[in-house]
Protein backbone atom coordinates (compact mmCIF):
# COMPACT_ATOMS: atom_id res chain seq x y z
CA MET A 1 -174.37 -89.82 -214.01
CA SER A 2 -175.46 -87.30 -211.56
CA GLU A 3 -177.03 -83.86 -211.98
CA ARG A 4 -174.94 -80.62 -211.52
CA ALA A 5 -175.85 -78.42 -208.72
CA ALA A 6 -178.17 -75.43 -209.52
CA PRO A 7 -176.67 -71.83 -208.71
CA PHE A 8 -177.92 -69.92 -205.69
CA TYR A 9 -177.95 -66.40 -206.71
CA CYS A 10 -177.52 -64.44 -209.89
CA PRO A 11 -173.83 -63.39 -210.57
CA TYR A 12 -175.01 -59.86 -211.91
CA CYS A 13 -177.49 -58.84 -209.01
CA GLY A 14 -177.24 -61.23 -206.67
CA ASP A 15 -181.06 -62.02 -206.36
CA GLU A 16 -182.10 -66.20 -205.76
CA ASP A 17 -185.32 -65.75 -208.35
CA LEU A 18 -183.84 -68.17 -210.79
CA ARG A 19 -184.81 -70.55 -213.75
CA PRO A 20 -183.71 -72.80 -215.86
CA ASN A 21 -183.52 -71.18 -219.37
CA GLU A 22 -184.94 -72.45 -222.55
CA GLU A 23 -181.33 -72.36 -224.32
CA GLY A 24 -180.29 -75.59 -222.90
CA HIS A 25 -178.07 -77.60 -220.13
CA GLY A 26 -176.19 -75.02 -217.73
CA ALA A 27 -178.67 -71.79 -218.99
CA TRP A 28 -180.47 -69.86 -216.22
CA GLU A 29 -182.38 -66.59 -216.03
CA CYS A 30 -183.28 -64.08 -213.24
CA GLY A 31 -186.52 -62.75 -212.42
CA ALA A 32 -185.09 -60.05 -211.10
CA CYS A 33 -182.39 -58.51 -213.28
CA ASN A 34 -184.01 -59.94 -216.23
CA ARG A 35 -180.74 -61.48 -217.30
CA ALA A 36 -179.98 -64.78 -218.98
CA PHE A 37 -176.73 -66.78 -218.14
CA ARG A 38 -174.72 -69.93 -219.07
CA LEU A 39 -172.25 -71.62 -216.46
CA LYS A 40 -169.88 -73.97 -217.71
CA PHE A 41 -167.28 -76.42 -215.88
CA LEU A 42 -164.15 -75.36 -217.45
CA GLY A 43 -162.02 -78.41 -215.85
CA LEU A 44 -159.56 -79.03 -213.43
CA LEU A 45 -156.61 -77.03 -213.03
CA ALA A 46 -152.69 -78.68 -213.90
CA ARG A 47 -151.52 -77.14 -210.62
CA GLY A 48 -153.96 -79.25 -208.27
CA VAL A 49 -154.71 -78.12 -204.95
CA GLN A 50 -151.25 -76.38 -202.89
CA ARG A 51 -151.13 -76.48 -199.32
CA THR A 52 -149.70 -73.50 -197.24
CA ASP A 53 -149.13 -75.43 -194.68
CA THR A 54 -145.29 -76.04 -193.92
CA GLY A 55 -146.05 -78.50 -190.88
CA GLY A 56 -144.14 -76.17 -188.63
CA ASP A 57 -144.80 -75.94 -184.62
CA ARG A 58 -148.20 -75.79 -183.59
CA ILE A 59 -149.07 -74.16 -180.57
C-alpha cells in the first residue's frame, strides 16, 4: 500500500511550514499559525465524473 501525499499548504493561513502531528495518521500542524488539523479521505462520490462536453462541432 502506498502512502498518501502530504498537504502542500495550511488550509487556514496558506503557509508551507507543515509537519506531521503526534495525533497520528493524517494529522498535521502548521508552524506559522500554530494550528493543528487532520486530513481524511471520505470516499468516492456516487455520481462519478460528469462530462459537460456534448460532442458538438469543434472549430
